[in-house]
């Protein structure tokens, strides 16, 4: 009886997760593809600056091309818009609208990001999505040139 229950549970899990995996990988696209909206109330900004709003539109997430645009507003009222276009090959590519460079690598279920700012600040983050592809989480470690470290957890809702 235990084996039958275990088999039923495993089959149910596969039936539920398989379409999600296929959706996330449709047309060779990765887990970031789509439109994402920051859920400010569920995010933890640590001792870093708090964002009041952020939307990310990812139009390509393949090993050959990661392409996205971002609109954000900080707690201080500062508005920013920038975009990125580069491969997920670990090499640095510039951000349009900023002097920061980003690099990406991907493995199944996780996107790794490194940001290098002109002042020497290094931000490393990992992005994962929920099984239903509705919630995305960025876990960031931000290291400033003086060695100060800030940890952040940004939670996003997949809106399209």
Protein backbone atom coordinates (compact mmCIF):
# COMPACT_ATOMS: atom_id res chain seq x y z
CA UNK A 1 0.00 0.00 0.00
CA UNK A 2 2.87 2.39 0.85
CA UNK A 3 4.49 1.76 -2.55
CA UNK A 4 1.21 2.45 -4.35
CA UNK A 5 0.72 5.73 -2.48
CA UNK A 6 4.31 6.74 -3.24
CA UNK A 7 3.86 5.91 -6.94
CA UNK A 8 0.62 7.89 -7.11
CA UNK A 9 2.33 10.86 -5.43
CA UNK A 10 5.30 10.71 -7.81
CA UNK A 11 3.08 10.48 -10.90
CA UNK A 12 0.96 13.40 -9.63
CA UNK A 13 4.09 15.48 -9.05
CA UNK A 14 5.37 14.71 -12.55
CA UNK A 15 2.01 15.56 -14.12
CA UNK A 16 1.95 18.88 -12.27
CA UNK A 17 5.60 19.85 -12.80
CA UNK A 18 6.13 18.67 -16.39
CA UNK A 19 3.95 21.38 -18.00
CA UNK A 20 5.65 24.03 -15.85
CA UNK A 21 9.08 22.85 -16.97
CA UNK A 22 7.96 22.78 -20.59
CA UNK A 23 6.45 26.25 -20.31
CA UNK A 24 9.63 27.65 -18.79
CA UNK A 25 11.73 26.07 -21.50
CA UNK A 26 9.37 26.80 -24.43
CA UNK A 27 11.26 27.71 -27.57
CA UNK A 28 14.55 27.18 -25.70
CA UNK A 29 13.74 30.06 -23.35
CA UNK A 30 14.89 30.05 -19.73
CA UNK A 31 13.14 30.79 -16.48
CA UNK A 32 13.40 34.60 -16.64
CA UNK A 33 11.29 35.03 -19.81
CA UNK A 34 8.26 37.29 -19.39
CA UNK A 35 7.19 40.33 -17.42
CA UNK A 36 7.96 40.56 -13.72
CA UNK A 37 6.69 43.02 -11.09
CA UNK A 38 8.47 43.52 -7.77
CA UNK A 39 6.37 42.65 -4.72
CA UNK A 40 7.76 45.33 -2.42
CA UNK A 41 5.92 44.12 0.70
CA UNK A 42 7.42 40.61 0.43
CA UNK A 43 10.95 41.75 -0.48
CA UNK A 44 13.76 42.27 2.03
CA UNK A 45 16.17 45.07 1.12
CA UNK A 46 18.45 44.58 4.12
CA UNK A 47 20.31 47.78 4.94
CA UNK A 48 20.38 48.72 1.24
CA UNK A 49 18.17 51.27 -0.48
CA UNK A 50 14.52 50.28 -0.70
CA UNK A 51 12.79 50.15 -4.05
CA UNK A 52 9.24 51.46 -4.25
CA UNK A 53 8.49 49.83 -7.62
CA UNK A 54 10.25 47.77 -10.26
CA UNK A 55 9.14 46.05 -13.43
CA UNK A 56 11.34 43.83 -15.58
CA UNK A 57 10.45 42.80 -19.13
CA UNK A 58 12.57 39.85 -20.29
CA UNK A 59 12.14 39.34 -24.04
CA UNK A 60 14.85 36.68 -24.45
CA UNK A 61 16.40 34.20 -22.04
CA UNK A 62 18.56 31.80 -24.00
CA UNK A 63 22.25 30.91 -23.65
CA UNK A 64 22.89 33.01 -26.77
CA UNK A 65 20.85 36.07 -25.74
CA UNK A 66 19.54 37.47 -22.50
CA UNK A 67 17.62 40.67 -23.21
CA UNK A 68 15.59 42.72 -20.75
CA UNK A 69 14.48 46.21 -19.80
CA UNK A 70 13.89 47.58 -16.30
CA UNK A 71 11.90 50.49 -14.88
CA UNK A 72 12.29 51.23 -11.19
CA UNK A 73 11.62 53.82 -8.53
CA UNK A 74 13.58 54.12 -5.28
CA UNK A 75 12.33 55.19 -1.88
CA UNK A 76 14.05 58.54 -2.44
CA UNK A 77 11.88 59.13 -5.52
CA UNK A 78 14.65 58.44 -8.04
CA UNK A 79 13.37 56.92 -11.31
CA UNK A 80 15.62 54.74 -13.45
CA UNK A 81 15.26 52.85 -16.71
CA UNK A 82 17.91 50.62 -18.24
CA UNK A 83 18.27 47.62 -20.50
CA UNK A 84 20.61 44.70 -21.07
CA UNK A 85 21.53 42.60 -24.07
CA UNK A 86 24.18 39.88 -23.92
CA UNK A 87 24.86 36.16 -23.84
CA UNK A 88 24.69 33.90 -20.77
CA UNK A 89 28.38 33.11 -21.18
CA UNK A 90 29.84 34.65 -18.01
CA UNK A 91 31.37 37.59 -19.91
CA UNK A 92 30.62 41.17 -18.94
CA UNK A 93 28.23 43.21 -21.07
CA UNK A 94 27.29 46.87 -20.51
CA UNK A 95 23.89 48.02 -19.34
CA UNK A 96 22.29 50.61 -21.64
CA UNK A 97 21.52 53.62 -19.46
CA UNK A 98 24.22 52.88 -16.86
CA UNK A 99 27.98 52.43 -16.48
CA UNK A 100 27.39 49.10 -14.70
CA UNK A 101 28.30 45.85 -16.44
CA UNK A 102 26.46 42.57 -15.96
CA UNK A 103 27.37 38.96 -16.61
CA UNK A 104 25.13 35.91 -16.56
CA UNK A 105 25.40 32.16 -16.48
CA UNK A 106 22.55 29.68 -16.29
CA UNK A 107 22.00 26.16 -15.18
CA UNK A 108 18.68 24.31 -15.01
CA UNK A 109 16.41 26.22 -12.66
CA UNK A 110 18.90 28.97 -11.66
CA UNK A 111 20.22 32.13 -13.29
CA UNK A 112 23.45 33.56 -11.84
CA UNK A 113 24.07 37.29 -12.20
CA UNK A 114 27.09 39.44 -11.39
CA UNK A 115 26.95 43.25 -11.52
CA UNK A 116 30.08 45.37 -11.38
CA UNK A 117 29.58 49.08 -10.75
CA UNK A 118 32.13 51.77 -11.67
CA UNK A 119 32.75 52.49 -7.95
CA UNK A 120 33.88 48.88 -7.41
CA UNK A 121 30.67 47.56 -5.87
CA UNK A 122 30.06 43.92 -6.78
CA UNK A 123 26.56 42.43 -6.67
CA UNK A 124 26.08 38.68 -7.04
CA UNK A 125 22.63 37.18 -7.32
CA UNK A 126 20.78 33.98 -8.05
CA UNK A 127 17.30 33.88 -9.59
CA UNK A 128 14.88 31.00 -9.14
CA UNK A 129 11.17 30.59 -9.84
CA UNK A 130 8.40 28.78 -8.06
CA UNK A 131 7.12 25.47 -9.47
CA UNK A 132 4.09 27.23 -10.97
CA UNK A 133 6.31 29.95 -12.54
CA UNK A 134 4.30 32.71 -10.83
CA UNK A 135 6.89 33.90 -8.30
CA UNK A 136 10.54 34.70 -8.99
CA UNK A 137 13.15 35.28 -6.29
CA UNK A 138 16.47 37.10 -6.59
CA UNK A 139 18.87 36.52 -3.69
CA UNK A 140 21.57 39.19 -3.81
CA UNK A 141 24.83 39.79 -1.96
CA UNK A 142 26.11 43.33 -2.48
CA UNK A 143 29.75 43.99 -1.52
CA UNK A 144 30.93 47.60 -1.50
CA UNK A 145 34.60 48.58 -2.01
CA UNK A 146 35.00 49.14 1.76
CA UNK A 147 33.94 45.52 2.41
CA UNK A 148 30.42 46.31 3.66
CA UNK A 149 28.01 43.53 2.70
CA UNK A 150 24.26 43.85 2.18
CA UNK A 151 21.98 40.86 1.60
CA UNK A 152 18.72 41.33 -0.28
CA UNK A 153 15.81 39.11 -1.24
CA UNK A 154 13.66 40.53 -4.03
CA UNK A 155 10.37 38.79 -4.76
CA UNK A 156 8.69 39.21 -8.16
CA UNK A 157 5.32 38.22 -9.56
CA UNK A 158 5.24 36.88 -13.12
CA UNK A 159 2.62 39.06 -14.81
CA UNK A 160 2.86 37.86 -18.42
